[in-house]
Amino acid sequence: MLWLYRLLFLPVLLVSAPFYLRRMQKRGGYGEHFGQRFGRVPTLPPRRPGVPRIWLQAVSVGEVLAIAPLVAAWRADGVEVYLTTTTSTGYRVAVERYRGQVLAVGYFPLDGWLFSARAWRQVQPDLAVLTEGERWPEHMAQAQRRGVPVIAINARMSDRSLRRMRRWRWAVQPMMGALTRVLASSAHDAERFRELGVPPERLMTTGNLKLDVTIETLDAVAKAKLRRELGLRGGLVLVGSSTWQGEEEMLLQAWRAARAEGVDCSLLIVPRHAERRAALVAQLEAARVSFHLRSRGAAPAEVDVAVGDTTGELSRLVQLADLVFIGKSLPPNEGGQTPVESAALGKPIVFGPAMSNFRVISAELVAAGAAWQGNDRAAVAGKLVTLLQDEAQRATMARAAIEWHRANVGAMGRTLAVIRDELARGRRN
């Protein structure tokens, strides 16, 4: 039903444009290279005979960071990579991290026929790779038209996506059929793709790539320096990882309760969207606590609450944590942010009931004793206070987190093997 998608694309784009333009203006950074949204591509070198070229789409910061081992391996293999992303924060991180490692970094074009076809004519890839939840009908149609395989890596499907696709199954199945290979992040996700029409021979469970990401750990001196820069006191640190609206209020409540119980602790809030800093400042001023924003540079003095309102620093900031709360997990927020980095760093973890984006991982962490999941705001706040008072329990959860992570690595090697095989098949053909 590609014709219907193409027919509806422009009217839907025009209707939704005011909403997206307001959001882009609010988040900032979208004005630069805006033409790339309409199919303009950064200047790429001419194709070289015998050198494969991959178009890799990683939607935002998390995906951009997760692909680091892939990019390094392809570079060692002599494979050219054109990397695109969707968000302005993802673009900034991609440029900082992969400059000199890829042909170029660009914005993914709007998935309309004219824009996508224009980009495809310029990129001319041998293979298109989509990460996680990326599924773009026109992008895949352009690949099919050119005989280019499309591989979905670290592929997952949220509850919301599954509900929508079940409702429009007649339109979804042709799109699923356009995927050459689907490398699912879990058996649970693989079953969902199978239900929606991906043939079993194209489907493989490779595991979650984010579990294989190497995190540069800080030594004691670097941690002490980071604490001083943030203005954190010398006691315990409760970290809110990728928090959303309403969750900071719960963290403040838990922090105050812990302090009232005699726990020497500070609160480090790392909001999912740094542009929420103005709202956080107003909230912290109303709460009458001392605070400091990371974006303002080094803190002049110790504070009660530090705000990590920068991009790409989460894995560094979490290393200061004695206990981590995972954001977007308390209603009305839905889906949950990733707990993988916290687990890999051996941190005890707490999250709310809304972890559907990481359903399998969160369930495994709870079963392993590495995480605790609460049913509501009050239960989560209460558990945070309890764990801040219980050093032995935090240590037990931390050990369980490390053991869980060690038992679940290997997705990168399996993913690379499939992609190398696909590239080799293309050369043979």
Protein backbone atom coordinates (compact mmCIF):
# COMPACT_ATOMS: atom_id res chain seq x y z
CA MET A 1 0.00 0.00 0.00
CA LEU A 2 2.90 2.31 -0.74
CA TRP A 3 0.73 4.39 -3.09
CA LEU A 4 -1.60 5.27 -0.19
CA TYR A 5 1.36 6.23 2.03
CA ARG A 6 2.70 8.48 -0.72
CA LEU A 7 -0.72 9.99 -1.32
CA LEU A 8 -1.25 10.83 2.35
CA PHE A 9 2.30 11.89 3.19
CA LEU A 10 2.15 15.52 2.04
CA PRO A 11 -1.26 16.38 3.57
CA VAL A 12 -0.24 14.79 6.88
CA LEU A 13 3.08 16.65 6.77
CA LEU A 14 1.35 19.98 6.22
CA VAL A 15 -1.15 19.40 9.03
CA SER A 16 1.50 18.26 11.51
CA ALA A 17 4.14 20.83 10.51
CA PRO A 18 3.12 23.51 13.08
CA PHE A 19 3.40 21.01 15.95
CA TYR A 20 6.81 19.74 14.85
CA LEU A 21 8.15 23.22 14.10
CA ARG A 22 7.17 24.37 17.60
CA ARG A 23 8.86 21.33 19.12
CA MET A 24 11.98 21.87 17.02
CA GLN A 25 12.10 25.52 18.06
CA LYS A 26 11.67 24.56 21.72
CA ARG A 27 14.44 21.96 21.66
CA GLY A 28 16.72 24.06 19.48
CA GLY A 29 19.54 23.17 17.12
CA TYR A 30 17.36 22.21 14.15
CA GLY A 31 18.05 25.25 11.99
CA GLU A 32 21.51 24.04 11.02
CA HIS A 33 21.53 21.88 7.88
CA PHE A 34 17.73 22.11 7.67
CA GLY A 35 17.85 21.34 3.96
CA GLN A 36 18.99 17.82 4.74
CA ARG A 37 15.47 17.13 5.99
CA PHE A 38 14.37 17.55 2.37
CA GLY A 39 16.88 15.16 0.84
CA ARG A 40 19.99 17.28 0.56
CA VAL A 41 23.03 15.21 1.55
CA PRO A 42 26.45 16.45 2.74
CA THR A 43 29.10 16.24 0.05
CA LEU A 44 30.23 12.62 -0.15
CA PRO A 45 33.28 11.29 -2.00
CA PRO A 46 32.64 9.34 -5.22
CA ARG A 47 32.04 5.61 -4.89
CA ARG A 48 35.24 3.56 -5.01
CA PRO A 49 35.21 0.22 -6.85
CA GLY A 50 35.08 -2.73 -4.48
CA VAL A 51 34.48 -0.58 -1.36
CA PRO A 52 31.07 -1.24 0.26
CA ARG A 53 29.01 1.70 1.48
CA ILE A 54 26.44 1.51 4.32
CA TRP A 55 23.74 4.05 5.10
CA LEU A 56 23.26 3.79 8.86
CA GLN A 57 20.30 5.51 10.52
CA ALA A 58 20.46 6.00 14.32
CA VAL A 59 17.56 8.10 15.54
CA SER A 60 18.93 9.87 18.65
CA VAL A 61 21.64 9.97 21.33
CA GLY A 62 21.15 6.47 22.73
CA GLU A 63 21.33 4.81 19.34
CA VAL A 64 24.23 7.03 18.23
CA LEU A 65 26.26 5.94 21.25
CA ALA A 66 25.30 2.27 20.87
CA ILE A 67 26.66 1.98 17.33
CA ALA A 68 30.24 2.90 18.29
CA PRO A 69 31.62 -0.67 18.08
CA LEU A 70 29.87 -1.20 14.73
CA VAL A 71 31.39 1.94 13.24
CA ALA A 72 34.85 0.96 14.51
CA ALA A 73 34.53 -2.58 13.09
CA TRP A 74 33.33 -1.36 9.68
CA ARG A 75 36.15 1.12 9.50
CA ALA A 76 38.62 -1.69 10.20
CA ASP A 77 36.91 -3.74 7.46
CA GLY A 78 37.34 -0.89 4.96
CA VAL A 79 33.58 -0.20 4.77
CA GLU A 80 32.34 3.35 4.13
CA VAL A 81 29.55 4.58 6.42
CA TYR A 82 27.17 7.47 5.92
CA LEU A 83 25.56 8.12 9.31
CA THR A 84 22.23 9.88 9.71
CA THR A 85 20.24 10.79 12.78
CA THR A 86 16.89 12.44 13.45
CA THR A 87 17.31 14.69 16.50
CA SER A 88 19.53 17.73 16.92
CA THR A 89 21.09 16.25 20.07
CA GLY A 90 21.79 13.00 18.24
CA TYR A 91 23.40 14.99 15.42
CA ARG A 92 25.69 16.90 17.78
CA VAL A 93 26.83 13.74 19.54
CA ALA A 94 27.35 11.93 16.20
CA VAL A 95 29.54 14.75 14.85
CA GLU A 96 31.59 14.92 18.06
CA ARG A 97 32.05 11.16 18.32
CA TYR A 98 32.43 9.98 14.72
CA ARG A 99 34.10 12.84 12.88
CA GLY A 100 36.84 11.21 10.78
CA GLN A 101 35.37 7.72 11.24
CA VAL A 102 32.46 8.03 8.80
CA LEU A 103 32.04 9.61 5.37
CA ALA A 104 29.73 12.25 6.84
CA VAL A 105 27.02 12.81 9.43
CA GLY A 106 23.67 14.08 8.23
CA TYR A 107 20.02 14.39 9.16
CA PHE A 108 17.68 11.63 8.00
CA PRO A 109 15.35 13.01 5.30
CA LEU A 110 11.61 13.29 5.67
CA ASP A 111 10.15 10.01 4.44
CA GLY A 112 8.40 11.46 1.41
CA TRP A 113 9.02 10.16 -2.10
CA LEU A 114 10.80 13.24 -3.47
CA PHE A 115 12.98 13.77 -0.38
CA SER A 116 13.95 10.14 0.07
CA ALA A 117 14.65 9.53 -3.61
CA ARG A 118 16.85 12.63 -3.75
CA ALA A 119 18.92 11.41 -0.80
CA TRP A 120 19.22 7.88 -2.18
CA ARG A 121 20.53 9.16 -5.52
CA GLN A 122 23.33 10.95 -3.68
CA VAL A 123 24.26 8.32 -1.07
CA GLN A 124 24.16 5.23 -3.33
CA PRO A 125 24.62 2.67 -0.52
CA ASP A 126 25.14 -1.07 -0.89
CA LEU A 127 23.28 -1.70 2.38
CA ALA A 128 20.81 0.26 4.52
CA VAL A 129 20.83 -0.32 8.28
CA LEU A 130 18.05 0.86 10.59
CA THR A 131 18.37 0.84 14.39
CA GLU A 132 15.83 -0.15 17.02
CA GLY A 133 12.34 1.15 16.17
CA GLU A 134 13.18 2.78 12.83
CA ARG A 135 10.86 1.60 10.05
CA TRP A 136 10.38 4.07 7.18
CA PRO A 137 8.18 2.84 4.28
CA GLU A 138 9.57 5.20 1.61
CA HIS A 139 13.16 4.65 2.68
CA MET A 140 12.69 0.89 2.37
CA ALA A 141 10.82 1.26 -0.92
CA GLN A 142 13.74 3.20 -2.37
CA ALA A 143 16.05 0.40 -1.22
CA GLN A 144 13.86 -2.26 -2.86
CA ARG A 145 13.71 -0.28 -6.10
CA ARG A 146 17.51 -0.28 -6.22
CA GLY A 147 17.96 -3.85 -5.06
CA VAL A 148 19.65 -2.74 -1.83
CA PRO A 149 19.13 -4.95 1.27
CA VAL A 150 17.73 -3.37 4.43
CA ILE A 151 18.70 -4.75 7.85
CA ALA A 152 16.99 -3.73 11.09
CA ILE A 153 19.46 -4.08 13.96
CA ASN A 154 18.74 -4.08 17.69
CA ALA A 155 15.15 -4.21 16.47
CA ARG A 156 12.46 -3.76 19.07
CA MET A 157 8.77 -3.05 19.09
CA SER A 158 7.04 -1.15 21.87
CA ASP A 159 3.55 -1.93 23.13
CA ARG A 160 2.22 1.23 21.45
CA SER A 161 3.80 0.36 18.09
CA LEU A 162 2.44 -3.17 18.29
CA ARG A 163 -1.09 -1.91 18.98
CA ARG A 164 -0.94 0.47 16.01
CA MET A 165 0.50 -2.14 13.67
CA ARG A 166 -2.07 -4.76 14.66
CA ARG A 167 -4.78 -2.25 13.79
CA TRP A 168 -3.24 -1.54 10.37
CA ARG A 169 -1.89 -5.01 9.71
CA TRP A 170 -2.94 -4.95 6.05
CA ALA A 171 -0.68 -1.93 5.48
CA VAL A 172 2.13 -3.05 7.78
CA GLN A 173 2.83 -6.49 6.30
CA PRO A 174 4.21 -5.19 2.97
CA MET A 175 6.52 -2.88 4.91
CA MET A 176 7.75 -5.78 7.05
CA GLY A 177 8.33 -7.76 3.88
CA ALA A 178 10.70 -5.03 2.68
CA LEU A 179 13.12 -5.84 5.50
CA THR A 180 15.85 -8.18 4.30
CA ARG A 181 16.82 -9.18 7.84
CA VAL A 182 15.44 -8.32 11.27
CA LEU A 183 17.95 -8.73 14.10
CA ALA A 184 15.75 -8.55 17.19
CA SER A 185 17.04 -7.34 20.53
CA SER A 186 15.12 -10.08 22.39
CA ALA A 187 13.06 -13.19 21.77
CA HIS A 188 10.01 -11.21 22.93
CA ASP A 189 10.57 -8.62 20.20
CA ALA A 190 11.28 -11.33 17.63
CA GLU A 191 7.90 -12.89 18.32
CA ARG A 192 6.21 -9.54 17.73
CA PHE A 193 7.92 -9.13 14.36
CA ARG A 194 6.94 -12.69 13.44
CA GLU A 195 3.31 -11.93 14.32
CA LEU A 196 3.35 -8.93 11.99
CA GLY A 197 4.54 -10.89 9.01
CA VAL A 198 8.34 -11.05 9.03
CA PRO A 199 9.23 -14.50 7.62
CA PRO A 200 11.07 -16.72 10.16
CA GLU A 201 14.03 -17.15 7.79
CA ARG A 202 14.60 -13.37 7.87
CA LEU A 203 14.34 -13.12 11.64
CA MET A 204 17.11 -13.65 14.18
CA THR A 205 17.45 -12.81 17.87
CA THR A 206 20.90 -11.25 18.28
CA GLY A 207 20.43 -9.49 21.62
CA ASN A 208 20.65 -5.87 22.68
CA LEU A 209 23.57 -3.90 21.23
CA LYS A 210 23.49 -1.45 24.11
CA LEU A 211 24.69 -4.22 26.41
CA ASP A 212 27.94 -4.38 24.44
CA VAL A 213 28.78 -0.69 24.60
CA THR A 214 32.10 -0.01 26.28
CA ILE A 215 31.77 2.69 28.92
CA GLU A 216 34.86 4.71 29.75
CA THR A 217 35.01 4.37 33.52
CA LEU A 218 36.26 7.19 35.73
CA ASP A 219 38.99 6.61 38.29
CA ALA A 220 38.76 7.97 41.84
CA VAL A 221 40.50 11.24 40.93
CA ALA A 222 38.18 11.89 37.96
CA LYS A 223 35.11 11.08 40.05
CA ALA A 224 36.20 13.49 42.78
CA LYS A 225 36.78 16.21 40.18
CA LEU A 226 33.35 15.62 38.62
CA ARG A 227 31.69 15.77 42.04
CA ARG A 228 33.33 19.13 42.71
CA GLU A 229 32.26 20.47 39.33
CA LEU A 230 28.67 19.47 40.05
CA GLY A 231 28.76 20.81 43.61
CA LEU A 232 27.86 17.44 45.16
CA ARG A 233 28.50 16.92 48.84
CA GLY A 234 30.61 14.08 50.24
CA GLY A 235 27.77 11.69 51.14
CA LEU A 236 25.63 9.35 49.02
CA VAL A 237 24.31 10.39 45.61
CA LEU A 238 20.81 9.57 44.37
CA VAL A 239 20.64 9.89 40.58
CA GLY A 240 17.52 10.42 38.50
CA SER A 241 18.51 9.01 35.10
CA SER A 242 16.76 10.56 32.06
CA THR A 243 13.86 11.96 34.06
CA TRP A 244 10.63 13.28 32.63
CA GLN A 245 8.10 15.79 33.91
CA GLY A 246 6.74 14.97 37.36
CA GLU A 247 9.50 12.54 38.29
CA GLU A 248 11.79 15.23 39.72
CA GLU A 249 9.10 16.05 42.26
CA MET A 250 9.13 12.42 43.44
CA LEU A 251 12.93 12.44 43.66
CA LEU A 252 12.90 15.61 45.73
CA GLN A 253 10.36 13.99 48.03
CA ALA A 254 12.52 10.87 48.44
CA TRP A 255 15.68 12.93 48.95
CA ARG A 256 14.02 15.05 51.66
CA ALA A 257 12.67 11.94 53.40
CA ALA A 258 16.10 10.28 53.36
CA ARG A 259 17.72 13.40 54.78
CA ALA A 260 15.05 13.48 57.50
CA GLU A 261 16.08 9.92 58.40
CA GLY A 262 19.66 11.05 58.88
CA VAL A 263 21.07 9.95 55.50
CA ASP A 264 23.82 12.23 54.21
CA CYS A 265 22.97 12.40 50.52
CA SER A 266 22.71 14.67 47.51
CA LEU A 267 20.42 14.50 44.49
CA LEU A 268 21.69 14.49 40.89
CA ILE A 269 18.94 14.96 38.29
CA VAL A 270 19.76 14.17 34.66
CA PRO A 271 16.68 15.21 32.64
CA ARG A 272 15.97 13.38 29.38
CA HIS A 273 15.55 16.71 27.59
CA ALA A 274 18.01 19.42 28.55
CA GLU A 275 15.66 22.13 27.25
CA ARG A 276 13.47 21.51 30.32
CA ARG A 277 16.08 23.31 32.43
CA ALA A 278 13.91 26.45 32.85
CA ALA A 279 11.05 24.40 34.28
CA LEU A 280 13.49 22.56 36.58
CA VAL A 281 14.98 25.83 37.79
CA ALA A 282 11.51 27.11 38.68
CA GLN A 283 10.71 23.86 40.49
CA LEU A 284 13.94 23.85 42.48
CA GLU A 285 13.57 27.51 43.40
CA ALA A 286 10.05 26.80 44.63
CA ALA A 287 11.39 23.86 46.66
CA ARG A 288 13.92 26.22 48.28
CA VAL A 289 16.92 23.98 47.81
CA SER A 290 20.39 24.96 46.71
CA PHE A 291 21.15 23.73 43.18
CA HIS A 292 23.53 24.04 40.25
CA LEU A 293 23.15 23.42 36.52
CA ARG A 294 25.96 21.51 34.81
CA SER A 295 25.56 23.72 31.73
CA ARG A 296 26.71 26.73 33.77
CA GLY A 297 30.19 25.29 34.30
CA ALA A 298 31.81 24.37 37.62
CA ALA A 299 29.71 24.88 40.74
CA PRO A 300 30.98 27.70 42.98
CA ALA A 301 29.93 25.84 46.13
CA GLU A 302 28.34 22.62 47.37
CA VAL A 303 24.63 22.25 46.65
CA ASP A 304 21.74 19.99 47.59
CA VAL A 305 20.72 19.24 44.01
CA ALA A 306 22.84 19.10 40.85
CA VAL A 307 21.22 19.11 37.39
CA GLY A 308 23.04 17.34 34.56
CA ASP A 309 21.49 19.40 31.77
CA THR A 310 24.10 18.49 29.16
CA THR A 311 24.05 16.02 26.28
CA GLY A 312 25.96 12.73 26.06
CA GLU A 313 27.22 12.71 29.64
CA LEU A 314 24.79 10.29 31.24
CA SER A 315 27.25 7.39 31.50
CA ARG A 316 29.77 9.66 33.24
CA LEU A 317 27.27 11.15 35.66
CA VAL A 318 25.74 7.79 36.60
CA GLN A 319 29.18 6.66 37.80
CA LEU A 320 28.75 8.97 40.79
CA ALA A 321 25.53 7.23 41.83
CA ASP A 322 24.97 5.10 44.91
CA LEU A 323 21.40 4.49 43.75
CA VAL A 324 19.67 5.16 40.40
CA PHE A 325 16.06 5.87 39.51
CA ILE A 326 15.22 5.25 35.84
CA GLY A 327 13.11 7.98 34.26
CA LYS A 328 9.98 7.91 32.12
CA SER A 329 8.78 5.00 34.24
CA LEU A 330 6.19 6.80 36.38
CA PRO A 331 2.73 7.53 34.88
CA PRO A 332 1.59 9.58 33.09
CA ASN A 333 4.97 9.01 31.42
CA GLU A 334 5.16 5.74 29.53
CA GLY A 335 7.80 3.38 28.15
CA GLY A 336 10.79 3.93 30.42
CA GLN A 337 14.35 4.97 29.61
CA THR A 338 17.16 2.46 29.34
CA PRO A 339 18.51 0.90 32.55
CA VAL A 340 21.38 -0.77 30.67
CA GLU A 341 24.12 1.75 31.43
CA SER A 342 23.28 1.76 35.12
CA ALA A 343 23.36 -2.04 35.23
CA ALA A 344 26.63 -2.22 33.29
CA LEU A 345 28.17 0.17 35.80
CA GLY A 346 26.99 -1.97 38.71
CA LYS A 347 24.43 0.42 40.17
CA PRO A 348 21.37 -0.62 42.19
CA ILE A 349 18.30 0.39 40.17
CA VAL A 350 14.73 1.43 40.92
CA PHE A 351 12.02 2.18 38.38
CA GLY A 352 8.27 2.62 38.18
CA PRO A 353 5.64 0.46 36.45
CA ALA A 354 5.85 1.99 32.93
CA MET A 355 8.90 0.18 31.49
CA SER A 356 7.30 -1.26 28.33
CA ASN A 357 10.12 -0.07 26.05
CA PHE A 358 12.49 -2.26 28.06
CA ARG A 359 10.02 -4.87 29.23
CA VAL A 360 12.35 -7.87 28.90
CA ILE A 361 15.43 -6.15 30.29
CA SER A 362 13.60 -4.64 33.24
CA ALA A 363 11.96 -7.98 34.08
CA GLU A 364 15.33 -9.74 33.92
CA LEU A 365 16.95 -7.13 36.15
CA VAL A 366 14.19 -7.49 38.74
CA ALA A 367 14.40 -11.30 38.59
CA ALA A 368 18.19 -11.13 39.01
CA GLY A 369 17.85 -8.96 42.10
CA ALA A 370 19.58 -6.02 40.41
CA ALA A 371 16.52 -3.77 40.26
CA TRP A 372 13.28 -3.08 42.09
CA GLN A 373 10.04 -2.05 40.37
CA GLY A 374 7.31 -0.11 42.14
CA ASN A 375 3.65 0.16 41.21
CA ASP A 376 3.24 3.87 41.90
CA ARG A 377 4.98 7.09 42.88
CA ALA A 378 4.65 6.58 46.63
CA ALA A 379 6.05 3.05 46.49
CA VAL A 380 9.04 4.14 44.41
CA ALA A 381 9.83 7.08 46.69
CA GLY A 382 9.56 4.84 49.74
CA LYS A 383 11.89 2.22 48.26
CA LEU A 384 14.47 4.85 47.36
CA VAL A 385 14.51 6.02 50.97
CA THR A 386 14.80 2.45 52.26
CA LEU A 387 17.70 1.60 49.95
CA LEU A 388 19.56 4.81 50.78
CA GLN A 389 19.54 3.58 54.37
CA ASP A 390 20.62 0.00 53.52
CA GLU A 391 24.22 -0.23 52.30
CA ALA A 392 24.25 -4.03 52.31
CA GLN A 393 21.18 -4.28 50.07
CA ARG A 394 22.61 -1.73 47.65
CA ALA A 395 25.82 -3.76 47.43
CA THR A 396 23.89 -6.96 46.75
CA MET A 397 21.90 -5.30 43.96
CA ALA A 398 25.07 -3.81 42.46
CA ARG A 399 26.75 -7.24 42.25
CA ALA A 400 23.62 -8.70 40.66
CA ALA A 401 23.59 -5.93 38.05
CA ILE A 402 27.18 -6.62 37.02
CA GLU A 403 26.54 -10.37 36.82
CA TRP A 404 23.42 -9.82 34.69
CA HIS A 405 25.33 -7.58 32.30
CA ARG A 406 28.22 -10.04 31.91
CA ALA A 407 25.78 -12.83 31.11
CA ASN A 408 24.09 -10.85 28.33
CA VAL A 409 26.87 -9.45 26.18
CA GLY A 410 27.65 -10.66 22.65
CA ALA A 411 25.01 -8.94 20.49
CA MET A 412 27.62 -6.88 18.67
CA GLY A 413 29.50 -9.90 17.36
CA ARG A 414 26.31 -11.61 16.17
CA THR A 415 25.11 -8.43 14.47
CA LEU A 416 28.42 -7.84 12.71
CA ALA A 417 28.48 -11.43 11.45
CA VAL A 418 25.09 -11.04 9.75
CA ILE A 419 25.99 -7.70 8.16
CA ARG A 420 29.34 -8.97 6.91
CA ASP A 421 27.57 -11.95 5.39
CA GLU A 422 25.07 -9.67 3.64
CA LEU A 423 27.84 -7.47 2.24
CA ALA A 424 29.75 -10.54 1.04
CA ARG A 425 26.60 -11.87 -0.67
CA GLY A 426 26.20 -8.54 -2.43
CA ARG A 427 29.77 -8.70 -3.74
CA ARG A 428 29.26 -12.25 -4.99
CA ASN A 429 26.12 -11.17 -6.84
